[in-house]
Amino acid sequence: MKKDGETINSLNQEISKNKPSRLEFNGRELSWFEDDKKTNSWKGMSGKPDYQCKEYGSGGCIDLTDKMDEFTDKFKKYGHDMILNVKYDKDCW
């Protein structure tokens, strides 16, 4: 997708209409937002130790370690698809 392309603009229009819950991952934490307010967060990681740059990540997996069950229970109760934004705070950490 291009940054200001047709697909991303269409998605943003739909999001602004419905304001569904969404997820955001910054490389260290997965956050759940409802009506643009953070309601939950879980520590997480992506990639193997020493390979946690956005370029060498694990191909999309986010590991929430011992909190995975808590997240999946909430997601199942929510019962809808969600948008996940990945916004790394730094290139590497």
PDB file of N, CA and C in Angstrom:
ATOM      1  N   MET A   1       0.829  -1.180   0.000  1.00  0.00           N
ATOM      2  CA  MET A   1       0.000   0.000   0.000  1.00  0.00           C
ATOM      3  C   MET A   1       0.872   1.243   0.000  1.00  0.00           C
ATOM      4  N   LYS A   2       0.465   2.200  -0.755  1.00  0.00           N
ATOM      5  CA  LYS A   2       1.163   3.477  -0.743  1.00  0.00           C
ATOM      6  C   LYS A   2       0.663   4.305   0.430  1.00  0.00           C
ATOM      7  N   LYS A   3       1.549   5.140   0.973  1.00  0.00           N
ATOM      8  CA  LYS A   3       1.239   5.931   2.173  1.00  0.00           C
ATOM      9  C   LYS A   3      -0.054   6.730   2.020  1.00  0.00           C
ATOM     10  N   ASP A   4      -0.234   7.420   0.917  1.00  0.00           N
ATOM     11  CA  ASP A   4      -1.452   8.204   0.690  1.00  0.00           C
ATOM     12  C   ASP A   4      -2.264   7.636  -0.461  1.00  0.00           C
ATOM     13  N   GLY A   5      -2.194   6.309  -0.643  1.00  0.00           N
ATOM     14  CA  GLY A   5      -2.869   5.648  -1.747  1.00  0.00           C
ATOM     15  C   GLY A   5      -4.354   5.449  -1.496  1.00  0.00           C
ATOM     16  N   GLU A   6      -5.010   4.951  -2.517  1.00  0.00           N
ATOM     17  CA  GLU A   6      -6.460   4.752  -2.496  1.00  0.00           C
ATOM     18  C   GLU A   6      -6.892   3.765  -1.411  1.00  0.00           C
ATOM     19  N   THR A   7      -6.143   2.675  -1.257  1.00  0.00           N
ATOM     20  CA  THR A   7      -6.513   1.653  -0.274  1.00  0.00           C
ATOM     21  C   THR A   7      -6.449   2.190   1.147  1.00  0.00           C
ATOM     22  N   ILE A   8      -5.359   2.837   1.493  1.00  0.00           N
ATOM     23  CA  ILE A   8      -5.215   3.348   2.857  1.00  0.00           C
ATOM     24  C   ILE A   8      -6.224   4.461   3.138  1.00  0.00           C
ATOM     25  N   ASN A   9      -6.504   5.288   2.154  1.00  0.00           N
ATOM     26  CA  ASN A   9      -7.506   6.347   2.334  1.00  0.00           C
ATOM     27  C   ASN A   9      -8.895   5.759   2.552  1.00  0.00           C
ATOM     28  N   SER A  10      -9.248   4.701   1.815  1.00  0.00           N
ATOM     29  CA  SER A  10     -10.541   4.041   2.006  1.00  0.00           C
ATOM     30  C   SER A  10     -10.654   3.428   3.393  1.00  0.00           C
ATOM     31  N   LEU A  11      -9.579   2.765   3.830  1.00  0.00           N
ATOM     32  CA  LEU A  11      -9.586   2.189   5.173  1.00  0.00           C
ATOM     33  C   LEU A  11      -9.758   3.258   6.238  1.00  0.00           C
ATOM     34  N   ASN A  12      -9.036   4.359   6.104  1.00  0.00           N
ATOM     35  CA  ASN A  12      -9.137   5.440   7.082  1.00  0.00           C
ATOM     36  C   ASN A  12     -10.527   6.054   7.113  1.00  0.00           C
ATOM     37  N   GLN A  13     -11.185   6.155   5.967  1.00  0.00           N
ATOM     38  CA  GLN A  13     -12.556   6.683   5.929  1.00  0.00           C
ATOM     39  C   GLN A  13     -13.510   5.758   6.684  1.00  0.00           C
ATOM     40  N   GLU A  14     -13.371   4.448   6.471  1.00  0.00           N
ATOM     41  CA  GLU A  14     -14.226   3.496   7.170  1.00  0.00           C
ATOM     42  C   GLU A  14     -13.989   3.535   8.675  1.00  0.00           C
ATOM     43  N   ILE A  15     -12.735   3.619   9.063  1.00  0.00           N
ATOM     44  CA  ILE A  15     -12.402   3.672  10.486  1.00  0.00           C
ATOM     45  C   ILE A  15     -13.010   4.906  11.135  1.00  0.00           C
ATOM     46  N   SER A  16     -12.913   6.043  10.460  1.00  0.00           N
ATOM     47  CA  SER A  16     -13.431   7.273  11.058  1.00  0.00           C
ATOM     48  C   SER A  16     -14.952   7.246  11.178  1.00  0.00           C
ATOM     49  N   LYS A  17     -15.639   6.504  10.337  1.00  0.00           N
ATOM     50  CA  LYS A  17     -17.098   6.381  10.420  1.00  0.00           C
ATOM     51  C   LYS A  17     -17.514   5.531  11.617  1.00  0.00           C
ATOM     52  N   ASN A  18     -16.854   4.402  11.786  1.00  0.00           N
ATOM     53  CA  ASN A  18     -17.307   3.405  12.755  1.00  0.00           C
ATOM     54  C   ASN A  18     -16.546   3.398  14.071  1.00  0.00           C
ATOM     55  N   LYS A  19     -15.352   3.921  14.094  1.00  0.00           N
ATOM     56  CA  LYS A  19     -14.496   3.937  15.278  1.00  0.00           C
ATOM     57  C   LYS A  19     -14.479   2.582  15.980  1.00  0.00           C
ATOM     58  N   PRO A  20     -14.130   1.513  15.238  1.00  0.00           N
ATOM     59  CA  PRO A  20     -14.073   0.205  15.893  1.00  0.00           C
ATOM     60  C   PRO A  20     -12.886   0.134  16.840  1.00  0.00           C
ATOM     61  N   SER A  21     -12.890  -0.883  17.673  1.00  0.00           N
ATOM     62  CA  SER A  21     -11.712  -1.130  18.495  1.00  0.00           C
ATOM     63  C   SER A  21     -10.557  -1.452  17.562  1.00  0.00           C
ATOM     64  N   ARG A  22      -9.333  -1.133  17.997  1.00  0.00           N
ATOM     65  CA  ARG A  22      -8.159  -1.391  17.173  1.00  0.00           C
ATOM     66  C   ARG A  22      -7.003  -1.766  18.075  1.00  0.00           C
ATOM     67  N   LEU A  23      -5.967  -2.325  17.458  1.00  0.00           N
ATOM     68  CA  LEU A  23      -4.763  -2.733  18.171  1.00  0.00           C
ATOM     69  C   LEU A  23      -3.574  -1.954  17.647  1.00  0.00           C
ATOM     70  N   GLU A  24      -2.622  -1.696  18.519  1.00  0.00           N
ATOM     71  CA  GLU A  24      -1.380  -1.035  18.116  1.00  0.00           C
ATOM     72  C   GLU A  24      -0.208  -1.725  18.812  1.00  0.00           C
ATOM     73  N   PHE A  25       0.836  -2.039  18.025  1.00  0.00           N
ATOM     74  CA  PHE A  25       2.029  -2.692  18.564  1.00  0.00           C
ATOM     75  C   PHE A  25       3.234  -1.818  18.280  1.00  0.00           C
ATOM     76  N   ASN A  26       4.019  -1.500  19.335  1.00  0.00           N
ATOM     77  CA  ASN A  26       5.178  -0.611  19.166  1.00  0.00           C
ATOM     78  C   ASN A  26       6.515  -1.355  19.263  1.00  0.00           C
ATOM     79  N   GLY A  27       6.462  -2.682  19.246  1.00  0.00           N
ATOM     80  CA  GLY A  27       7.679  -3.472  19.373  1.00  0.00           C
ATOM     81  C   GLY A  27       7.892  -4.004  20.774  1.00  0.00           C
ATOM     82  N   ARG A  28       7.242  -3.414  21.752  1.00  0.00           N
ATOM     83  CA  ARG A  28       7.367  -3.844  23.148  1.00  0.00           C
ATOM     84  C   ARG A  28       6.024  -4.051  23.837  1.00  0.00           C
ATOM     85  N   GLU A  29       4.953  -3.493  23.249  1.00  0.00           N
ATOM     86  CA  GLU A  29       3.655  -3.544  23.908  1.00  0.00           C
ATOM     87  C   GLU A  29       2.550  -3.582  22.857  1.00  0.00           C
ATOM     88  N   LEU A  30       1.540  -4.443  23.094  1.00  0.00           N
ATOM     89  CA  LEU A  30       0.344  -4.485  22.262  1.00  0.00           C
ATOM     90  C   LEU A  30      -0.754  -3.769  23.035  1.00  0.00           C
ATOM     91  N   SER A  31      -1.330  -2.739  22.431  1.00  0.00           N
ATOM     92  CA  SER A  31      -2.365  -1.948  23.111  1.00  0.00           C
ATOM     93  C   SER A  31      -3.696  -2.088  22.383  1.00  0.00           C
ATOM     94  N   TRP A  32      -4.764  -2.131  23.166  1.00  0.00           N
ATOM     95  CA  TRP A  32      -6.136  -2.231  22.656  1.00  0.00           C
ATOM     96  C   TRP A  32      -6.786  -0.870  22.868  1.00  0.00           C
ATOM     97  N   PHE A  33      -7.352  -0.304  21.821  1.00  0.00           N
ATOM     98  CA  PHE A  33      -8.004   1.002  21.890  1.00  0.00           C
ATOM     99  C   PHE A  33      -9.488   0.864  21.574  1.00  0.00           C
ATOM    100  N   GLU A  34     -10.319   1.546  22.339  1.00  0.00           N
ATOM    101  CA  GLU A  34     -11.751   1.661  22.078  1.00  0.00           C
ATOM    102  C   GLU A  34     -12.089   3.139  22.070  1.00  0.00           C
ATOM    103  N   ASP A  35     -12.715   3.595  20.991  1.00  0.00           N
ATOM    104  CA  ASP A  35     -13.026   5.031  20.830  1.00  0.00           C
ATOM    105  C   ASP A  35     -11.782   5.889  21.054  1.00  0.00           C
ATOM    106  N   ASP A  36     -10.658   5.445  20.491  1.00  0.00           N
ATOM    107  CA  ASP A  36      -9.374   6.148  20.559  1.00  0.00           C
ATOM    108  C   ASP A  36      -8.796   6.269  21.967  1.00  0.00           C
ATOM    109  N   LYS A  37      -9.301   5.472  22.920  1.00  0.00           N
ATOM    110  CA  LYS A  37      -8.750   5.460  24.280  1.00  0.00           C
ATOM    111  C   LYS A  37      -8.160   4.084  24.555  1.00  0.00           C
ATOM    112  N   LYS A  38      -6.921   4.046  25.083  1.00  0.00           N
ATOM    113  CA  LYS A  38      -6.292   2.771  25.422  1.00  0.00           C
ATOM    114  C   LYS A  38      -7.023   2.157  26.599  1.00  0.00           C
ATOM    115  N   THR A  39      -7.533   0.934  26.394  1.00  0.00           N
ATOM    116  CA  THR A  39      -8.271   0.255  27.459  1.00  0.00           C
ATOM    117  C   THR A  39      -7.506  -0.916  28.055  1.00  0.00           C
ATOM    118  N   ASN A  40      -6.583  -1.495  27.297  1.00  0.00           N
ATOM    119  CA  ASN A  40      -5.762  -2.610  27.765  1.00  0.00           C
ATOM    120  C   ASN A  40      -4.409  -2.549  27.085  1.00  0.00           C
ATOM    121  N   SER A  41      -3.422  -3.175  27.706  1.00  0.00           N
ATOM    122  CA  SER A  41      -2.127  -3.329  27.050  1.00  0.00           C
ATOM    123  C   SER A  41      -1.424  -4.547  27.639  1.00  0.00           C
ATOM    124  N   TRP A  42      -0.593  -5.155  26.802  1.00  0.00           N
ATOM    125  CA  TRP A  42       0.145  -6.347  27.182  1.00  0.00           C
ATOM    126  C   TRP A  42       1.575  -6.207  26.691  1.00  0.00           C
ATOM    127  N   LYS A  43       2.554  -6.548  27.518  1.00  0.00           N
ATOM    128  CA  LYS A  43       3.944  -6.553  27.071  1.00  0.00           C
ATOM    129  C   LYS A  43       4.096  -7.651  26.029  1.00  0.00           C
ATOM    130  N   GLY A  44       4.862  -7.348  24.992  1.00  0.00           N
ATOM    131  CA  GLY A  44       5.047  -8.325  23.934  1.00  0.00           C
ATOM    132  C   GLY A  44       6.341  -8.080  23.188  1.00  0.00           C
ATOM    133  N   MET A  45       6.658  -9.012  22.291  1.00  0.00           N
ATOM    134  CA  MET A  45       7.849  -8.874  21.463  1.00  0.00           C
ATOM    135  C   MET A  45       7.602  -9.564  20.134  1.00  0.00           C
ATOM    136  N   SER A  46       8.421  -9.225  19.171  1.00  0.00           N
ATOM    137  CA  SER A  46       8.356  -9.850  17.863  1.00  0.00           C
ATOM    138  C   SER A  46       9.777 -10.143  17.421  1.00  0.00           C
ATOM    139  N   GLY A  47      10.048 -11.361  17.042  1.00  0.00           N
ATOM    140  CA  GLY A  47      11.383 -11.732  16.590  1.00  0.00           C
ATOM    141  C   GLY A  47      12.186 -12.414  17.681  1.00  0.00           C
ATOM    142  N   LYS A  48      13.287 -13.003  17.266  1.00  0.00           N
ATOM    143  CA  LYS A  48      14.184 -13.684  18.195  1.00  0.00           C
ATOM    144  C   LYS A  48      15.087 -12.659  18.864  1.00  0.00           C
ATOM    145  N   PRO A  49      15.616 -12.949  20.044  1.00  0.00           N
ATOM    146  CA  PRO A  49      16.556 -12.028  20.691  1.00  0.00           C
ATOM    147  C   PRO A  49      17.674 -11.635  19.733  1.00  0.00           C
ATOM    148  N   ASP A  50      18.022 -10.384  19.748  1.00  0.00           N
ATOM    149  CA  ASP A  50      19.043  -9.778  18.886  1.00  0.00           C
ATOM    150  C   ASP A  50      18.591  -9.639  17.433  1.00  0.00           C
ATOM    151  N   TYR A  51      17.356 -10.002  17.112  1.00  0.00           N
ATOM    152  CA  TYR A  51      16.806  -9.834  15.758  1.00  0.00           C
ATOM    153  C   TYR A  51      15.427  -9.186  15.855  1.00  0.00           C
ATOM    154  N   GLN A  52      15.338  -8.119  16.631  1.00  0.00           N
ATOM    155  CA  GLN A  52      14.050  -7.491  16.856  1.00  0.00           C
ATOM    156  C   GLN A  52      13.931  -6.134  16.186  1.00  0.00           C
ATOM    157  N   CYS A  53      14.684  -5.930  15.119  1.00  0.00           N
ATOM    158  CA  CYS A  53      14.517  -4.731  14.304  1.00  0.00           C
ATOM    159  C   CYS A  53      13.288  -4.939  13.431  1.00  0.00           C
ATOM    160  N   LYS A  54      12.701  -3.851  12.952  1.00  0.00           N
ATOM    161  CA  LYS A  54      11.552  -4.021  12.079  1.00  0.00           C
ATOM    162  C   LYS A  54      11.929  -4.766  10.808  1.00  0.00           C
ATOM    163  N   GLU A  55      13.207  -4.682  10.356  1.00  0.00           N
ATOM    164  CA  GLU A  55      13.643  -5.378   9.148  1.00  0.00           C
ATOM    165  C   GLU A  55      13.831  -6.879   9.381  1.00  0.00           C
ATOM    166  N   TYR A  56      14.135  -7.332  10.668  1.00  0.00           N
ATOM    167  CA  TYR A  56      14.443  -8.763  10.922  1.00  0.00           C
ATOM    168  C   TYR A  56      13.434  -9.402  11.830  1.00  0.00           C
ATOM    169  N   GLY A  57      12.261  -8.838  11.932  1.00  0.00           N
ATOM    170  CA  GLY A  57      11.217  -9.367  12.822  1.00  0.00           C
ATOM    171  C   GLY A  57      10.813 -10.784  12.451  1.00  0.00           C
ATOM    172  N   SER A  58       9.859 -11.321  13.172  1.00  0.00           N
ATOM    173  CA  SER A  58       9.483 -12.721  13.004  1.00  0.00           C
ATOM    174  C   SER A  58       8.445 -12.919  11.915  1.00  0.00           C
ATOM    175  N   GLY A  59       8.227 -11.951  11.066  1.00  0.00           N
ATOM    176  CA  GLY A  59       7.280 -12.119   9.975  1.00  0.00           C
ATOM    177  C   GLY A  59       5.840 -11.897  10.392  1.00  0.00           C
ATOM    178  N   GLY A  60       5.614 -11.189  11.472  1.00  0.00           N
ATOM    179  CA  GLY A  60       4.254 -10.841  11.851  1.00  0.00           C
ATOM    180  C   GLY A  60       3.778 -11.396  13.171  1.00  0.00           C
ATOM    181  N   CYS A  61       4.515 -12.298  13.776  1.00  0.00           N
ATOM    182  CA  CYS A  61       4.091 -12.866  15.052  1.00  0.00           C
ATOM    183  C   CYS A  61       4.382 -11.891  16.187  1.00  0.00           C
ATOM    184  N   ILE A  62       3.435 -11.762  17.089  1.00  0.00           N
ATOM    185  CA  ILE A  62       3.629 -10.965  18.300  1.00  0.00           C
ATOM    186  C   ILE A  62       3.448 -11.911  19.474  1.00  0.00           C
ATOM    187  N   ASP A  63       4.473 -12.055  20.284  1.00  0.00           N
ATOM    188  CA  ASP A  63       4.456 -12.965  21.417  1.00  0.00           C
ATOM    189  C   ASP A  63       4.112 -12.188  22.680  1.00  0.00           C
ATOM    190  N   LEU A  64       2.992 -12.536  23.299  1.00  0.00           N
ATOM    191  CA  LEU A  64       2.560 -11.870  24.534  1.00  0.00           C
ATOM    192  C   LEU A  64       2.900 -12.706  25.763  1.00  0.00           C
ATOM    193  N   THR A  65       3.738 -13.675  25.598  1.00  0.00           N
ATOM    194  CA  THR A  65       4.226 -14.585  26.643  1.00  0.00           C
ATOM    195  C   THR A  65       3.075 -15.084  27.516  1.00  0.00           C
ATOM    196  N   ASP A  66       3.137 -14.858  28.819  1.00  0.00           N
ATOM    197  CA  ASP A  66       2.138 -15.413  29.729  1.00  0.00           C
ATOM    198  C   ASP A  66       0.792 -14.692  29.696  1.00  0.00           C
ATOM    199  N   LYS A  67       0.655 -13.649  28.898  1.00  0.00           N
ATOM    200  CA  LYS A  67      -0.609 -12.903  28.807  1.00  0.00           C
ATOM    201  C   LYS A  67      -1.401 -13.236  27.540  1.00  0.00           C
ATOM    202  N   MET A  68      -0.932 -14.217  26.766  1.00  0.00           N
ATOM    203  CA  MET A  68      -1.601 -14.552  25.510  1.00  0.00           C
ATOM    204  C   MET A  68      -3.043 -14.998  25.736  1.00  0.00           C
ATOM    205  N   ASP A  69      -3.282 -15.823  26.755  1.00  0.00           N
ATOM    206  CA  ASP A  69      -4.645 -16.280  27.034  1.00  0.00           C
ATOM    207  C   ASP A  69      -5.575 -15.117  27.379  1.00  0.00           C
ATOM    208  N   GLU A  70      -5.067 -14.166  28.157  1.00  0.00           N
ATOM    209  CA  GLU A  70      -5.860 -12.989  28.519  1.00  0.00           C
ATOM    210  C   GLU A  70      -6.281 -12.214  27.265  1.00  0.00           C
ATOM    211  N   PHE A  71      -5.327 -12.015  26.352  1.00  0.00           N
ATOM    212  CA  PHE A  71      -5.634 -11.306  25.109  1.00  0.00           C
ATOM    213  C   PHE A  71      -6.623 -12.093  24.254  1.00  0.00           C
ATOM    214  N   THR A  72      -6.386 -13.397  24.065  1.00  0.00           N
ATOM    215  CA  THR A  72      -7.274 -14.165  23.189  1.00  0.00           C
ATOM    216  C   THR A  72      -8.688 -14.251  23.752  1.00  0.00           C
ATOM    217  N   ASP A  73      -8.844 -14.309  25.063  1.00  0.00           N
ATOM    218  CA  ASP A  73     -10.181 -14.294  25.663  1.00  0.00           C
ATOM    219  C   ASP A  73     -10.906 -12.996  25.324  1.00  0.00           C
ATOM    220  N   LYS A  74     -10.218 -11.868  25.459  1.00  0.00           N
ATOM    221  CA  LYS A  74     -10.827 -10.566  25.149  1.00  0.00           C
ATOM    222  C   LYS A  74     -11.171 -10.487  23.661  1.00  0.00           C
ATOM    223  N   PHE A  75     -10.263 -10.958  22.812  1.00  0.00           N
ATOM    224  CA  PHE A  75     -10.491 -10.904  21.363  1.00  0.00           C
ATOM    225  C   PHE A  75     -11.684 -11.775  20.964  1.00  0.00           C
ATOM    226  N   LYS A  76     -11.796 -12.956  21.531  1.00  0.00           N
ATOM    227  CA  LYS A  76     -12.931 -13.837  21.222  1.00  0.00           C
ATOM    228  C   LYS A  76     -14.250 -13.212  21.660  1.00  0.00           C
ATOM    229  N   LYS A  77     -14.261 -12.573  22.826  1.00  0.00           N
ATOM    230  CA  LYS A  77     -15.474 -11.910  23.299  1.00  0.00           C
ATOM    231  C   LYS A  77     -15.843 -10.731  22.411  1.00  0.00           C
ATOM    232  N   TYR A  78     -14.838 -10.026  21.890  1.00  0.00           N
ATOM    233  CA  TYR A  78     -15.086  -8.901  20.984  1.00  0.00           C
ATOM    234  C   TYR A  78     -15.777  -9.404  19.719  1.00  0.00           C
ATOM    235  N   GLY A  79     -15.311 -10.505  19.164  1.00  0.00           N
ATOM    236  CA  GLY A  79     -15.998 -11.187  18.088  1.00  0.00           C
ATOM    237  C   GLY A  79     -15.963 -10.559  16.705  1.00  0.00           C
ATOM    238  N   HIS A  80     -15.041  -9.641  16.439  1.00  0.00           N
ATOM    239  CA  HIS A  80     -14.940  -8.992  15.129  1.00  0.00           C
ATOM    240  C   HIS A  80     -13.475  -8.935  14.704  1.00  0.00           C
ATOM    241  N   ASP A  81     -13.276  -8.779  13.387  1.00  0.00           N
ATOM    242  CA  ASP A  81     -11.929  -8.515  12.897  1.00  0.00           C
ATOM    243  C   ASP A  81     -11.458  -7.183  13.453  1.00  0.00           C
ATOM    244  N   MET A  82     -10.144  -7.023  13.557  1.00  0.00           N
ATOM    245  CA  MET A  82      -9.581  -5.770  14.066  1.00  0.00           C
ATOM    246  C   MET A  82      -8.432  -5.330  13.181  1.00  0.00           C
ATOM    247  N   ILE A  83      -8.203  -4.052  13.159  1.00  0.00           N
ATOM    248  CA  ILE A  83      -7.047  -3.493  12.478  1.00  0.00           C
ATOM    249  C   ILE A  83      -5.901  -3.443  13.473  1.00  0.00           C
ATOM    250  N   LEU A  84      -4.727  -3.897  13.034  1.00  0.00           N
ATOM    251  CA  LEU A  84      -3.526  -3.855  13.854  1.00  0.00           C
ATOM    252  C   LEU A  84      -2.537  -2.907  13.199  1.00  0.00           C
ATOM    253  N   ASN A  85      -2.201  -1.840  13.882  1.00  0.00           N
ATOM    254  CA  ASN A  85      -1.171  -0.906  13.421  1.00  0.00           C
ATOM    255  C   ASN A  85       0.133  -1.254  14.115  1.00  0.00           C
ATOM    256  N   VAL A  86       1.207  -1.347  13.342  1.00  0.00           N
ATOM    257  CA  VAL A  86       2.533  -1.594  13.903  1.00  0.00           C
ATOM    258  C   VAL A  86       3.333  -0.323  13.726  1.00  0.00           C
ATOM    259  N   LYS A  87       3.699   0.284  14.840  1.00  0.00           N
ATOM    260  CA  LYS A  87       4.446   1.539  14.836  1.00  0.00           C
ATOM    261  C   LYS A  87       5.616   1.399  15.785  1.00  0.00           C
ATOM    262  N   TYR A  88       6.758   0.968  15.252  1.00  0.00           N
ATOM    263  CA  TYR A  88       7.934   0.795  16.097  1.00  0.00           C
ATOM    264  C   TYR A  88       8.417   2.155  16.609  1.00  0.00           C
ATOM    265  N   ASP A  89       8.739   2.223  17.907  1.00  0.00           N
ATOM    266  CA  ASP A  89       9.252   3.449  18.502  1.00  0.00           C
ATOM    267  C   ASP A  89      10.622   3.812  17.964  1.00  0.00           C
ATOM    268  N   LYS A  90      11.446   2.806  17.698  1.00  0.00           N
ATOM    269  CA  LYS A  90      12.800   2.999  17.187  1.00  0.00           C
ATOM    270  C   LYS A  90      13.037   1.970  16.084  1.00  0.00           C
ATOM    271  N   ASP A  91      14.060   2.193  15.267  1.00  0.00           N
ATOM    272  CA  ASP A  91      14.382   1.196  14.244  1.00  0.00           C
ATOM    273  C   ASP A  91      14.814  -0.112  14.863  1.00  0.00           C
ATOM    274  N   CYS A  92      15.637  -0.060  15.897  1.00  0.00           N
ATOM    275  CA  CYS A  92      16.081  -1.254  16.620  1.00  0.00           C
ATOM    276  C   CYS A  92      16.163  -0.916  18.104  1.00  0.00           C
ATOM    277  N   TRP A  93      16.040  -1.919  18.917  1.00  0.00           N
ATOM    278  CA  TRP A  93      16.189  -1.702  20.349  1.00  0.00           C
ATOM    279  C   TRP A  93      16.933  -2.874  20.936  1.00  0.00           C
TER     280      TRP A  93
END
